Amino acid sequence: MPFPAAGGAAKAGAGGDGAGWRRDAETQSVSLTPWHEADWSFPQSSNGRVDIDHLVTRKMQLLVEAEQMKPAFMQRIDSHFTEFVNGLIAKSVQLESSPPAFPAACSEKDGGFKSKGSRAPPEHGKVFVARKSVLDELFEVEHIRTIYHMFIALLILFILSTLIVDFIDEGRLVLEFDLLVYAFGKSSVVFSTWLYMFLSTLTVPYGLFLLWAQGYHSSSHKTIRSAFFGGLFTIFQIFGLGVGPAYIAVAYNLPPASAFIVILEQVRLLMKGYSLIRENAPRILSFTPQKTNTIQVPKVSQYLYFLFAPTLIYRDAYPRNPTIRWSYVATKFAQVLGSLFYTYYIFVRLCIPTFRNYKENLNVRGLVLCIFNSILPGVLMLFLVFFAYLHCWLNAFAEMLRFADRMFYKDWWNSTSYAKYYRTWNVVVHDWLYYYAYKDFLWLFGKKFKAVAMLSVFTLSAIVHEYILAVCFGYFYPVLFCLFMCFGMVFNFILNDRRKGPIWNVFMWSTLFLGQGVILTLYSLEWYAYKHCPLKNPTFLDYVKPRSWTCNLKF
């Protein structure tokens, strides 16, 4: 059979640019050779057809030559990439050494924020830029996308396993989702509570700030005025938005998932309201009526956008995308729903059987077995929480709002230290803690108290996490607080950023896996203890002491 396009196909396979690779055997260098100079002639038979055997032999020779050229080719690519990176670093150094491009009114020299009564303007804090989420970039690589497909396949196997076991035990297909229905129960209470929290956060902090700002410079008692409105804002934060939703969650005995919705939204709105005041108060304090007659205060539309935007740092404007990809939004919400069912099947197939079969008092042997049996489901749920909320949920809202900065997390899975892990796991919360807790602490007390500032941030984070779990589960069992304040803080100081080797990444993953097993085991045992060992007249000590220590867990 004739091959009239054999040379053209070979030419297109190498890039179609009219040139080919030639490798010097002595210098091991690679050079481009015009295709018309290369030996691409093929022997033909007497009837003018190409000799197939010779063509196959020639093809094998080309493959061998390509493998031989690969090291030299990769070496040249690496050399060019190194030069490119060095150039970027040089330009970055030049930019850092050049004077800042901030207006003169914002400089300390000109009195923009001389005292501790005002704060550095927003451009001295977090800078928002248009960028994709890390997973969105990684999923463009086929190898990484295959890992995502593996998780989907595992979900399918979980579903089939549950259906088959139910069919064998019940003699029919059981498609009931009692656990999901229970966990998300009392939805009317959840919606009304969320609506109350949202409307109060929209009106009260903004209204108090507006009233304070409009009469601040004309007031003869600025300190008293600031203390009065600041006190009203604090009262609202503590009682109106703090105690109120927590009381509703406890009084109505909201199930776990519904309680998580209420309490997580409560914490989010508390942080949003604080950011509004913290970012805009310096404008009012540094305002000079001699220069301009108008006070710059946020518009209602700007604040409303901020309440829905996937960030906890207020800005008047954010980088915006030109269009909304509704197919992207639908895909992300579908992935959130899939993650929810994934978590359901993990509980049904891996968690509930483990603790239902635990028929002993809490002892060392049974506890160790439960912990190691809980590592796999604990890690899977860690991945699902990260993927469903930090990637899918936040990206869906960002897309609907055309919010362009999608760095809600970084490559935390590559961390070789817990210090980096805490910075990269949840960038949204980390930014708030860094600028409003850590940086403000150093701004007030000086840079020599960095260790104290870090300890304060750890303590605040641990208290909030434990508060969320205590209200949502209905009992106080400070496992997460102890892990945060003991192992987490110690690892943060010891396993710092100087640890770079891969062994430290292995250590980080090993301890993280073990921690997930401990958390899932202890909280699950306490949950079952409260369900199966109720107390008629519990005292305050009964609420503080773990009930799983004395309850005989026979389910």
Protein backbone atom coordinates (compact mmCIF):
# COMPACT_ATOMS: atom_id res chain seq x y z
CA MET A 1 0.00 0.00 0.00
CA PRO A 2 1.53 3.38 -0.94
CA PHE A 3 2.29 6.03 1.74
CA PRO A 4 2.27 9.33 -0.11
CA ALA A 5 1.94 11.42 3.10
CA ALA A 6 4.57 9.63 5.16
CA GLY A 7 7.00 12.54 5.17
CA GLY A 8 4.25 15.06 5.89
CA ALA A 9 2.95 13.02 8.84
CA ALA A 10 6.40 12.79 10.33
CA LYS A 11 6.80 16.51 9.82
CA ALA A 12 3.52 17.29 11.56
CA GLY A 13 4.33 14.96 14.44
CA ALA A 14 7.43 16.97 15.23
CA GLY A 15 5.60 20.25 15.31
CA GLY A 16 5.00 21.08 11.66
CA ASP A 17 7.48 23.99 11.69
CA GLY A 18 9.67 22.74 8.85
CA ALA A 19 12.57 21.76 11.09
CA GLY A 20 13.71 18.66 12.91
CA TRP A 21 15.99 17.74 15.80
CA ARG A 22 19.60 16.66 15.15
CA ARG A 23 21.75 15.31 17.97
CA ASP A 24 25.54 15.57 17.95
CA ALA A 25 26.97 12.27 19.21
CA GLU A 26 30.20 13.89 20.44
CA THR A 27 28.95 17.07 22.10
CA GLN A 28 25.55 15.64 23.14
CA SER A 29 23.98 18.88 21.95
CA VAL A 30 20.69 19.24 20.16
CA SER A 31 20.20 21.41 17.10
CA LEU A 32 17.43 22.09 14.66
CA THR A 33 17.84 20.66 11.19
CA PRO A 34 15.69 21.59 8.19
CA TRP A 35 13.49 18.73 7.15
CA HIS A 36 14.62 18.83 3.56
CA GLU A 37 18.20 18.11 4.74
CA ALA A 38 17.21 15.06 6.82
CA ASP A 39 17.35 11.61 5.34
CA TRP A 40 13.64 10.77 4.94
CA SER A 41 13.89 8.63 1.82
CA PHE A 42 12.40 5.14 1.99
CA PRO A 43 13.37 2.18 -0.26
CA GLN A 44 10.66 1.10 -2.58
CA SER A 45 9.85 -2.25 -4.16
CA SER A 46 9.86 -2.92 -7.85
CA ASN A 47 6.26 -1.78 -8.23
CA GLY A 48 6.96 1.54 -6.54
CA ARG A 49 5.49 0.73 -3.10
CA VAL A 50 7.27 1.47 0.18
CA ASP A 51 9.09 -1.43 1.86
CA ILE A 52 6.99 -1.93 5.03
CA ASP A 53 9.69 -3.86 6.92
CA HIS A 54 12.22 -1.12 6.35
CA LEU A 55 9.70 1.50 7.41
CA VAL A 56 9.01 -0.31 10.69
CA THR A 57 12.77 -0.64 11.30
CA ARG A 58 13.26 3.05 10.61
CA LYS A 59 10.43 3.90 13.00
CA MET A 60 12.09 1.95 15.80
CA GLN A 61 15.40 3.74 15.09
CA LEU A 62 13.62 7.10 15.37
CA LEU A 63 12.12 6.12 18.73
CA VAL A 64 15.55 5.13 20.03
CA GLU A 65 17.05 8.41 18.81
CA ALA A 66 14.21 10.34 20.45
CA GLU A 67 14.88 8.64 23.79
CA GLN A 68 18.58 9.49 23.45
CA MET A 69 17.81 13.13 22.74
CA LYS A 70 15.41 13.48 25.68
CA PRO A 71 18.03 14.21 28.44
CA ALA A 72 19.78 16.89 26.41
CA PHE A 73 16.45 18.44 25.44
CA MET A 74 15.21 18.54 29.06
CA GLN A 75 18.56 20.02 30.16
CA ARG A 76 18.18 22.91 27.73
CA ILE A 77 14.56 23.47 28.81
CA ASP A 78 15.65 23.53 32.46
CA SER A 79 18.39 26.03 31.64
CA HIS A 80 15.96 28.40 29.91
CA PHE A 81 13.44 28.07 32.75
CA THR A 82 16.14 28.87 35.32
CA GLU A 83 17.11 32.00 33.41
CA PHE A 84 13.45 33.03 33.25
CA VAL A 85 12.93 32.59 37.02
CA ASN A 86 16.15 34.46 37.81
CA GLY A 87 14.91 37.33 35.69
CA LEU A 88 11.64 37.43 37.59
CA ILE A 89 13.49 37.44 40.91
CA ALA A 90 15.70 40.30 39.76
CA LYS A 91 12.67 42.35 38.73
CA SER A 92 10.99 41.58 42.07
CA VAL A 93 14.05 42.82 43.97
CA GLN A 94 14.02 46.03 41.93
CA LEU A 95 10.35 46.57 42.73
CA GLU A 96 10.92 45.98 46.44
CA SER A 97 13.84 48.39 46.53
CA SER A 98 11.87 51.13 44.75
CA PRO A 99 9.78 53.58 46.84
CA PRO A 100 6.16 52.59 47.48
CA ALA A 101 3.55 53.85 45.09
CA PHE A 102 1.08 54.89 47.80
CA PRO A 103 -0.27 58.44 47.91
CA ALA A 104 1.49 60.90 50.11
CA ALA A 105 -1.55 61.17 52.32
CA CYS A 106 -1.12 57.54 53.30
CA SER A 107 2.49 57.75 54.44
CA GLU A 108 3.48 57.89 58.08
CA LYS A 109 5.81 60.79 57.37
CA ASP A 110 2.93 62.99 56.27
CA GLY A 111 0.84 62.11 59.26
CA GLY A 112 -1.60 59.77 57.53
CA PHE A 113 -1.59 57.39 60.53
CA LYS A 114 0.89 58.73 63.06
CA SER A 115 -0.68 57.40 66.23
CA LYS A 116 -2.20 54.14 67.32
CA GLY A 117 -5.60 55.79 67.13
CA SER A 118 -5.71 55.08 63.41
CA ARG A 119 -4.66 52.18 61.27
CA ALA A 120 -2.71 51.72 58.09
CA PRO A 121 -4.95 52.14 55.02
CA PRO A 122 -6.32 49.04 53.30
CA GLU A 123 -3.55 48.90 50.71
CA HIS A 124 -1.14 48.06 53.54
CA GLY A 125 -3.16 44.92 54.19
CA LYS A 126 -4.39 42.16 51.92
CA VAL A 127 -4.24 42.88 48.20
CA PHE A 128 -6.84 41.15 46.04
CA VAL A 129 -5.84 40.07 42.54
CA ALA A 130 -7.60 38.03 39.86
CA ARG A 131 -6.48 34.38 40.07
CA LYS A 132 -7.86 30.86 39.87
CA SER A 133 -8.21 28.36 42.67
CA VAL A 134 -5.38 25.87 42.91
CA LEU A 135 -7.58 22.84 42.21
CA ASP A 136 -9.10 24.47 39.14
CA GLU A 137 -5.60 24.81 37.74
CA LEU A 138 -4.59 21.30 38.77
CA PHE A 139 -7.72 19.73 37.27
CA GLU A 140 -6.57 20.95 33.88
CA VAL A 141 -3.85 18.29 34.16
CA GLU A 142 -5.15 14.89 33.14
CA HIS A 143 -3.18 13.00 35.82
CA ILE A 144 -4.65 15.10 38.64
CA ARG A 145 -8.13 14.84 37.16
CA THR A 146 -7.78 11.06 37.34
CA ILE A 147 -7.47 11.29 41.13
CA TYR A 148 -10.81 13.11 41.15
CA HIS A 149 -12.27 10.30 39.05
CA MET A 150 -10.97 7.78 41.59
CA PHE A 151 -12.93 9.49 44.36
CA ILE A 152 -16.06 9.37 42.20
CA ALA A 153 -15.50 5.65 41.63
CA LEU A 154 -15.15 5.15 45.38
CA LEU A 155 -18.45 6.95 45.95
CA ILE A 156 -20.14 4.63 43.43
CA LEU A 157 -18.75 1.62 45.29
CA PHE A 158 -20.04 3.00 48.61
CA ILE A 159 -23.51 3.36 47.08
CA LEU A 160 -23.46 -0.15 45.61
CA SER A 161 -22.19 -1.62 48.87
CA THR A 162 -24.99 0.02 50.85
CA LEU A 163 -27.67 -1.06 48.39
CA ILE A 164 -26.41 -4.65 48.21
CA VAL A 165 -26.13 -5.04 51.99
CA ASP A 166 -29.60 -3.55 52.50
CA PHE A 167 -31.02 -5.84 49.82
CA ILE A 168 -29.49 -8.90 51.48
CA ASP A 169 -30.64 -7.90 54.98
CA GLU A 170 -34.08 -6.51 54.10
CA GLY A 171 -34.87 -8.42 50.93
CA ARG A 172 -35.54 -5.16 49.10
CA LEU A 173 -33.76 -2.03 47.96
CA VAL A 174 -33.73 0.54 50.78
CA LEU A 175 -33.42 4.09 49.41
CA GLU A 176 -34.14 5.93 52.65
CA PHE A 177 -31.82 8.62 53.94
CA ASP A 178 -32.86 8.80 57.57
CA LEU A 179 -29.50 10.13 58.71
CA LEU A 180 -29.57 13.05 56.25
CA VAL A 181 -33.18 13.86 57.07
CA TYR A 182 -32.37 13.92 60.77
CA ALA A 183 -29.13 15.91 60.43
CA PHE A 184 -30.78 18.70 58.40
CA GLY A 185 -34.04 18.76 60.32
CA LYS A 186 -35.95 21.84 61.57
CA SER A 187 -35.11 23.77 58.42
CA SER A 188 -37.73 26.46 59.14
CA VAL A 189 -35.95 27.40 62.38
CA VAL A 190 -32.63 27.46 60.55
CA PHE A 191 -33.91 29.75 57.79
CA SER A 192 -35.63 32.21 60.14
CA THR A 193 -32.53 32.36 62.35
CA TRP A 194 -30.27 32.97 59.37
CA LEU A 195 -32.58 35.71 58.08
CA TYR A 196 -32.50 37.42 61.48
CA MET A 197 -28.70 37.23 61.62
CA PHE A 198 -28.25 38.52 58.08
CA LEU A 199 -30.66 41.45 58.33
CA SER A 200 -29.29 42.52 61.71
CA THR A 201 -25.70 42.36 60.42
CA LEU A 202 -26.71 44.38 57.35
CA THR A 203 -28.40 47.16 59.32
CA VAL A 204 -26.89 47.49 62.81
CA PRO A 205 -23.09 47.66 62.16
CA TYR A 206 -23.57 49.81 59.05
CA GLY A 207 -26.07 52.13 60.78
CA LEU A 208 -23.90 52.57 63.88
CA PHE A 209 -20.83 53.29 61.76
CA LEU A 210 -22.70 55.81 59.63
CA LEU A 211 -24.07 57.68 62.67
CA TRP A 212 -20.62 57.75 64.30
CA ALA A 213 -18.84 58.90 61.13
CA GLN A 214 -21.25 61.70 60.22
CA GLY A 215 -20.91 63.55 63.52
CA TYR A 216 -17.42 62.58 64.58
CA HIS A 217 -15.43 65.62 63.39
CA SER A 218 -18.08 68.12 64.45
CA SER A 219 -18.31 66.62 67.93
CA SER A 220 -16.53 68.29 70.85
CA HIS A 221 -16.20 64.97 72.67
CA LYS A 222 -14.77 62.63 70.07
CA THR A 223 -13.51 60.05 72.55
CA ILE A 224 -16.84 59.78 74.36
CA ARG A 225 -18.69 59.57 71.06
CA SER A 226 -16.40 56.81 69.82
CA ALA A 227 -16.69 54.90 73.09
CA PHE A 228 -20.49 55.15 73.00
CA PHE A 229 -20.93 53.84 69.47
CA GLY A 230 -18.14 51.30 69.96
CA GLY A 231 -19.93 50.01 73.05
CA LEU A 232 -23.21 49.70 71.14
CA PHE A 233 -21.44 47.76 68.41
CA THR A 234 -19.81 45.46 70.98
CA ILE A 235 -23.16 44.82 72.68
CA PHE A 236 -24.69 43.89 69.34
CA GLN A 237 -21.80 41.57 68.49
CA ILE A 238 -21.94 39.79 71.86
CA PHE A 239 -25.66 39.56 72.54
CA GLY A 240 -27.53 40.32 69.31
CA LEU A 241 -25.36 38.21 67.01
CA GLY A 242 -23.51 36.08 69.56
CA VAL A 243 -25.79 34.86 72.33
CA GLY A 244 -29.04 34.98 70.32
CA PRO A 245 -28.31 32.37 67.61
CA ALA A 246 -26.49 30.12 70.09
CA TYR A 247 -29.51 30.20 72.39
CA ILE A 248 -31.82 29.29 69.49
CA ALA A 249 -29.61 26.35 68.53
CA VAL A 250 -29.65 25.01 72.09
CA ALA A 251 -33.26 25.84 72.96
CA TYR A 252 -34.69 24.27 69.80
CA ASN A 253 -32.26 21.34 70.06
CA LEU A 254 -31.20 21.70 66.45
CA PRO A 255 -29.70 18.56 64.89
CA PRO A 256 -25.97 18.65 64.09
CA ALA A 257 -25.98 19.78 60.43
CA SER A 258 -28.66 22.43 61.03
CA ALA A 259 -26.80 23.69 64.07
CA PHE A 260 -23.58 23.88 62.05
CA ILE A 261 -25.32 26.06 59.45
CA VAL A 262 -26.53 28.49 62.12
CA ILE A 263 -23.31 28.68 64.15
CA LEU A 264 -20.94 28.86 61.16
CA GLU A 265 -23.03 31.67 59.67
CA GLN A 266 -23.00 33.36 63.05
CA VAL A 267 -19.20 33.30 63.20
CA ARG A 268 -18.91 34.41 59.56
CA LEU A 269 -21.21 37.42 60.04
CA LEU A 270 -19.46 38.39 63.29
CA MET A 271 -16.16 38.51 61.41
CA LYS A 272 -17.74 40.41 58.50
CA GLY A 273 -19.20 43.09 60.76
CA TYR A 274 -15.90 43.57 62.56
CA SER A 275 -14.02 43.89 59.26
CA LEU A 276 -16.38 46.65 58.10
CA ILE A 277 -15.61 48.75 61.16
CA ARG A 278 -11.92 47.88 61.30
CA GLU A 279 -11.21 48.79 57.67
CA ASN A 280 -13.28 51.99 57.51
CA ALA A 281 -12.66 53.59 60.91
CA PRO A 282 -9.15 54.79 59.89
CA ARG A 283 -10.72 56.77 57.04
CA ILE A 284 -12.81 58.76 59.47
CA LEU A 285 -10.01 59.21 61.99
CA SER A 286 -7.57 60.51 59.35
CA PHE A 287 -10.17 62.68 57.59
CA THR A 288 -9.25 66.38 57.37
CA PRO A 289 -12.16 68.76 56.55
CA GLN A 290 -9.70 71.34 55.21
CA LYS A 291 -8.81 69.11 52.24
CA THR A 292 -12.28 67.81 51.32
CA ASN A 293 -15.82 68.38 52.51
CA THR A 294 -17.11 64.83 51.95
CA ILE A 295 -16.43 61.86 54.20
CA GLN A 296 -15.84 58.61 52.36
CA VAL A 297 -18.12 55.97 53.84
CA PRO A 298 -19.08 52.64 52.26
CA LYS A 299 -22.25 52.51 50.22
CA VAL A 300 -25.00 50.10 51.17
CA SER A 301 -24.48 48.23 47.89
CA GLN A 302 -20.76 47.82 48.64
CA TYR A 303 -21.45 46.44 52.10
CA LEU A 304 -24.19 44.14 50.79
CA TYR A 305 -21.81 42.75 48.18
CA PHE A 306 -19.20 42.18 50.90
CA LEU A 307 -21.66 40.19 53.03
CA PHE A 308 -22.05 37.66 50.21
CA ALA A 309 -18.51 37.81 48.83
CA PRO A 310 -16.23 34.84 49.73
CA THR A 311 -13.83 36.93 51.80
CA LEU A 312 -13.68 38.26 55.36
CA ILE A 313 -11.63 41.38 54.50
CA TYR A 314 -13.70 44.43 53.52
CA ARG A 315 -12.85 46.50 50.45
CA ASP A 316 -14.93 49.03 48.56
CA ALA A 317 -14.19 47.13 45.35
CA TYR A 318 -12.70 43.79 44.36
CA PRO A 319 -11.32 42.42 41.08
CA ARG A 320 -14.29 41.29 38.99
CA ASN A 321 -14.65 38.85 36.13
CA PRO A 322 -16.46 40.09 33.01
CA THR A 323 -19.03 37.27 32.80
CA ILE A 324 -20.69 34.54 34.86
CA ARG A 325 -20.24 30.92 33.82
CA TRP A 326 -23.52 29.40 34.95
CA SER A 327 -22.41 25.92 33.92
CA TYR A 328 -19.44 26.30 36.29
CA VAL A 329 -21.82 27.36 39.09
CA ALA A 330 -24.09 24.36 38.47
CA THR A 331 -21.10 22.01 38.45
CA LYS A 332 -19.83 23.32 41.79
CA PHE A 333 -23.21 23.03 43.50
CA ALA A 334 -23.57 19.51 42.10
CA GLN A 335 -20.17 18.64 43.58
CA VAL A 336 -21.30 20.03 46.95
CA LEU A 337 -24.35 17.78 46.80
CA GLY A 338 -22.19 14.82 45.80
CA SER A 339 -19.82 15.50 48.72
CA LEU A 340 -22.82 15.55 51.06
CA PHE A 341 -23.95 12.10 49.94
CA TYR A 342 -20.33 10.94 50.07
CA THR A 343 -20.18 11.92 53.75
CA TYR A 344 -23.49 10.16 54.38
CA TYR A 345 -22.22 6.87 52.96
CA ILE A 346 -18.95 7.17 54.90
CA PHE A 347 -20.95 7.42 58.12
CA VAL A 348 -23.25 4.57 57.14
CA ARG A 349 -20.57 2.14 55.94
CA LEU A 350 -17.48 3.05 58.03
CA CYS A 351 -18.41 5.01 61.15
CA ILE A 352 -21.71 3.79 62.57
CA PRO A 353 -20.80 0.05 62.41
CA THR A 354 -17.53 0.73 64.22
CA PHE A 355 -19.14 2.42 67.20
CA ARG A 356 -22.25 0.29 67.30
CA ASN A 357 -20.08 -2.79 67.72
CA TYR A 358 -18.09 -1.22 70.55
CA LYS A 359 -19.54 -3.02 73.60
CA GLU A 360 -16.95 -2.35 76.28
CA ASN A 361 -16.30 0.34 78.80
CA LEU A 362 -13.78 2.85 77.56
CA ASN A 363 -10.37 1.18 77.95
CA VAL A 364 -7.02 1.51 76.26
CA ARG A 365 -7.38 -1.45 73.92
CA GLY A 366 -10.84 -0.53 72.68
CA LEU A 367 -9.88 3.13 72.32
CA VAL A 368 -6.77 2.35 70.25
CA LEU A 369 -8.75 0.05 67.95
CA CYS A 370 -11.45 2.69 67.45
CA ILE A 371 -8.88 5.39 66.68
CA PHE A 372 -7.10 3.39 64.00
CA ASN A 373 -10.41 2.19 62.53
CA SER A 374 -11.51 5.83 62.33
CA ILE A 375 -8.46 7.16 60.50
CA LEU A 376 -9.75 6.33 57.00
CA PRO A 377 -13.25 7.82 57.41
CA GLY A 378 -11.77 10.78 59.29
CA VAL A 379 -9.35 11.58 56.48
CA LEU A 380 -12.03 11.14 53.82
CA MET A 381 -14.30 13.56 55.65
CA LEU A 382 -11.41 16.04 56.00
CA PHE A 383 -10.95 15.96 52.22
CA LEU A 384 -14.69 16.26 51.63
CA VAL A 385 -15.06 19.28 53.94
CA PHE A 386 -12.16 20.98 52.21
CA PHE A 387 -13.39 20.17 48.70
CA ALA A 388 -17.08 20.88 49.29
CA TYR A 389 -16.74 24.17 51.17
CA LEU A 390 -13.36 25.76 50.49
CA HIS A 391 -13.34 24.82 46.81
CA CYS A 392 -16.86 24.19 45.49
CA TRP A 393 -19.07 26.36 47.69
CA LEU A 394 -16.82 29.42 47.74
CA ASN A 395 -16.03 29.16 44.02
CA ALA A 396 -19.74 28.91 43.20
CA PHE A 397 -20.54 32.13 45.07
CA ALA A 398 -17.44 33.81 43.68
CA GLU A 399 -18.56 32.96 40.15
CA MET A 400 -22.09 34.26 40.72
CA LEU A 401 -20.68 37.51 42.14
CA ARG A 402 -17.92 37.68 39.48
CA PHE A 403 -15.43 37.75 42.36
CA ALA A 404 -12.07 37.20 40.63
CA ASP A 405 -9.70 36.40 43.52
CA ARG A 406 -10.20 32.67 44.04
CA MET A 407 -7.28 32.00 46.40
CA PHE A 408 -9.41 30.51 49.18
CA TYR A 409 -6.65 28.01 49.98
CA LYS A 410 -3.14 27.19 48.84
CA ASP A 411 -1.26 23.92 48.30
CA TRP A 412 -1.59 22.85 51.94
CA TRP A 413 -1.04 19.20 50.94
CA ASN A 414 2.61 20.02 50.12
CA SER A 415 3.28 21.45 53.58
CA THR A 416 6.42 20.28 55.35
CA SER A 417 5.55 22.17 58.55
CA TYR A 418 2.44 22.85 60.52
CA ALA A 419 3.18 26.57 60.31
CA LYS A 420 2.69 26.41 56.54
CA TYR A 421 -0.30 24.09 56.87
CA TYR A 422 -2.14 26.55 59.12
CA ARG A 423 -1.41 29.39 56.67
CA THR A 424 -2.53 27.54 53.56
CA TRP A 425 -5.44 25.31 54.65
CA ASN A 426 -8.05 28.10 54.92
CA VAL A 427 -6.71 31.37 53.51
CA VAL A 428 -10.05 33.15 54.01
CA VAL A 429 -10.01 32.72 57.81
CA HIS A 430 -6.22 33.00 58.02
CA ASP A 431 -6.32 36.46 56.43
CA TRP A 432 -8.78 37.68 59.06
CA LEU A 433 -6.75 36.24 61.94
CA TYR A 434 -3.48 37.52 60.49
CA TYR A 435 -4.52 41.13 59.88
CA TYR A 436 -7.01 41.68 62.71
CA ALA A 437 -5.57 39.49 65.47
CA TYR A 438 -1.86 38.87 64.85
CA LYS A 439 -0.88 42.13 63.10
CA ASP A 440 -3.01 44.31 65.36
CA PHE A 441 -1.52 42.66 68.44
CA LEU A 442 1.99 43.49 67.22
CA TRP A 443 0.84 46.99 66.27
CA LEU A 444 -0.37 47.58 69.81
CA PHE A 445 2.36 45.88 71.85
CA GLY A 446 5.40 45.84 69.56
CA LYS A 447 7.16 43.29 67.38
CA LYS A 448 9.08 41.79 70.28
CA PHE A 449 5.89 39.97 71.35
CA LYS A 450 5.59 37.82 68.22
CA ALA A 451 5.44 34.58 70.22
CA VAL A 452 2.72 36.00 72.49
CA ALA A 453 0.78 37.22 69.44
CA MET A 454 0.95 33.79 67.83
CA LEU A 455 -0.15 32.13 71.08
CA SER A 456 -3.09 34.54 71.30
CA VAL A 457 -4.18 33.71 67.75
CA PHE A 458 -3.94 29.98 68.48
CA THR A 459 -6.00 30.40 71.64
CA LEU A 460 -8.68 32.43 69.86
CA SER A 461 -8.91 29.92 67.03
CA ALA A 462 -9.07 26.97 69.43
CA ILE A 463 -11.82 28.59 71.53
CA VAL A 464 -13.96 29.38 68.48
CA HIS A 465 -13.56 25.87 67.05
CA GLU A 466 -14.50 24.27 70.36
CA TYR A 467 -17.44 26.65 70.78
CA ILE A 468 -18.79 25.60 67.37
CA LEU A 469 -18.51 21.89 68.17
CA ALA A 470 -19.96 22.26 71.68
CA VAL A 471 -23.09 24.10 70.49
CA CYS A 472 -23.64 21.87 67.45
CA PHE A 473 -23.13 18.53 69.22
CA GLY A 474 -24.84 19.55 72.44
CA TYR A 475 -22.01 18.63 74.81
CA PHE A 476 -18.64 20.01 75.93
CA TYR A 477 -15.71 17.71 75.19
CA PRO A 478 -12.61 19.86 74.48
CA VAL A 479 -10.72 17.35 72.34
CA LEU A 480 -10.11 19.77 69.48
CA PHE A 481 -9.12 22.53 71.90
CA CYS A 482 -6.49 20.31 73.52
CA LEU A 483 -5.14 19.20 70.14
CA PHE A 484 -4.92 22.83 69.02
CA MET A 485 -3.30 24.15 72.17
CA CYS A 486 -1.00 21.20 72.82
CA PHE A 487 0.12 19.34 69.73
CA GLY A 488 -0.86 22.01 67.20
CA MET A 489 0.96 24.81 68.96
CA VAL A 490 4.04 22.70 69.72
CA PHE A 491 4.27 21.48 66.13
CA ASN A 492 3.78 25.04 64.89
CA PHE A 493 6.83 26.26 66.82
CA ILE A 494 9.01 23.17 66.35
CA LEU A 495 8.08 22.16 62.79
CA ASN A 496 8.59 25.63 61.35
CA ASP A 497 9.32 26.76 57.81
CA ARG A 498 12.95 25.65 58.03
CA ARG A 499 11.78 22.05 57.61
CA LYS A 500 11.96 21.44 53.87
CA GLY A 501 12.67 17.74 53.32
CA PRO A 502 10.02 15.28 52.12
CA ILE A 503 10.28 13.38 55.40
CA TRP A 504 8.59 16.34 57.10
CA ASN A 505 5.71 16.20 54.65
CA VAL A 506 5.32 12.50 55.52
CA PHE A 507 5.39 13.38 59.22
CA MET A 508 2.81 16.12 58.72
CA TRP A 509 0.44 13.75 56.91
CA SER A 510 0.96 10.96 59.48
CA THR A 511 0.13 13.18 62.44
CA LEU A 512 -2.77 14.76 60.56
CA PHE A 513 -4.24 11.32 59.81
CA LEU A 514 -3.82 10.22 63.41
CA GLY A 515 -5.41 13.44 64.67
CA GLN A 516 -8.47 12.88 62.48
CA GLY A 517 -8.85 9.40 63.93
CA VAL A 518 -8.63 10.73 67.49
CA ILE A 519 -11.17 13.50 66.83
CA LEU A 520 -13.70 11.24 65.12
CA THR A 521 -13.39 8.52 67.76
CA LEU A 522 -13.67 10.63 70.90
CA TYR A 523 -16.49 12.85 69.66
CA SER A 524 -18.44 9.84 68.34
CA LEU A 525 -18.09 7.94 71.62
CA GLU A 526 -19.25 10.99 73.53
CA TRP A 527 -22.23 11.39 71.17
CA TYR A 528 -23.36 7.80 71.75
CA ALA A 529 -22.75 8.14 75.49
CA TYR A 530 -25.11 11.14 75.67
CA LYS A 531 -27.74 9.25 73.67
CA HIS A 532 -27.60 5.99 75.63
CA CYS A 533 -26.68 7.22 79.12
CA PRO A 534 -28.92 10.22 79.84
CA LEU A 535 -28.92 11.77 83.31
CA LYS A 536 -32.13 12.78 85.07
CA ASN A 537 -30.82 15.72 87.11
CA PRO A 538 -27.41 16.62 85.69
CA THR A 539 -25.26 19.11 87.55
CA PHE A 540 -22.77 21.53 86.04
CA LEU A 541 -19.99 19.04 86.69
CA ASP A 542 -21.89 16.42 84.68
CA TYR A 543 -21.86 18.70 81.63
CA VAL A 544 -18.12 19.32 81.96
CA LYS A 545 -17.02 15.74 82.69
CA PRO A 546 -16.94 13.45 79.60
CA ARG A 547 -19.82 11.01 79.88
CA SER A 548 -18.12 8.37 77.72
CA TRP A 549 -15.62 7.77 80.51
CA THR A 550 -18.27 6.21 82.75
CA CYS A 551 -21.07 5.17 80.37
CA ASN A 552 -21.19 1.52 79.33
CA LEU A 553 -21.60 1.88 75.56
CA LYS A 554 -23.82 -1.07 74.71
CA PHE A 555 -25.76 -0.21 71.62
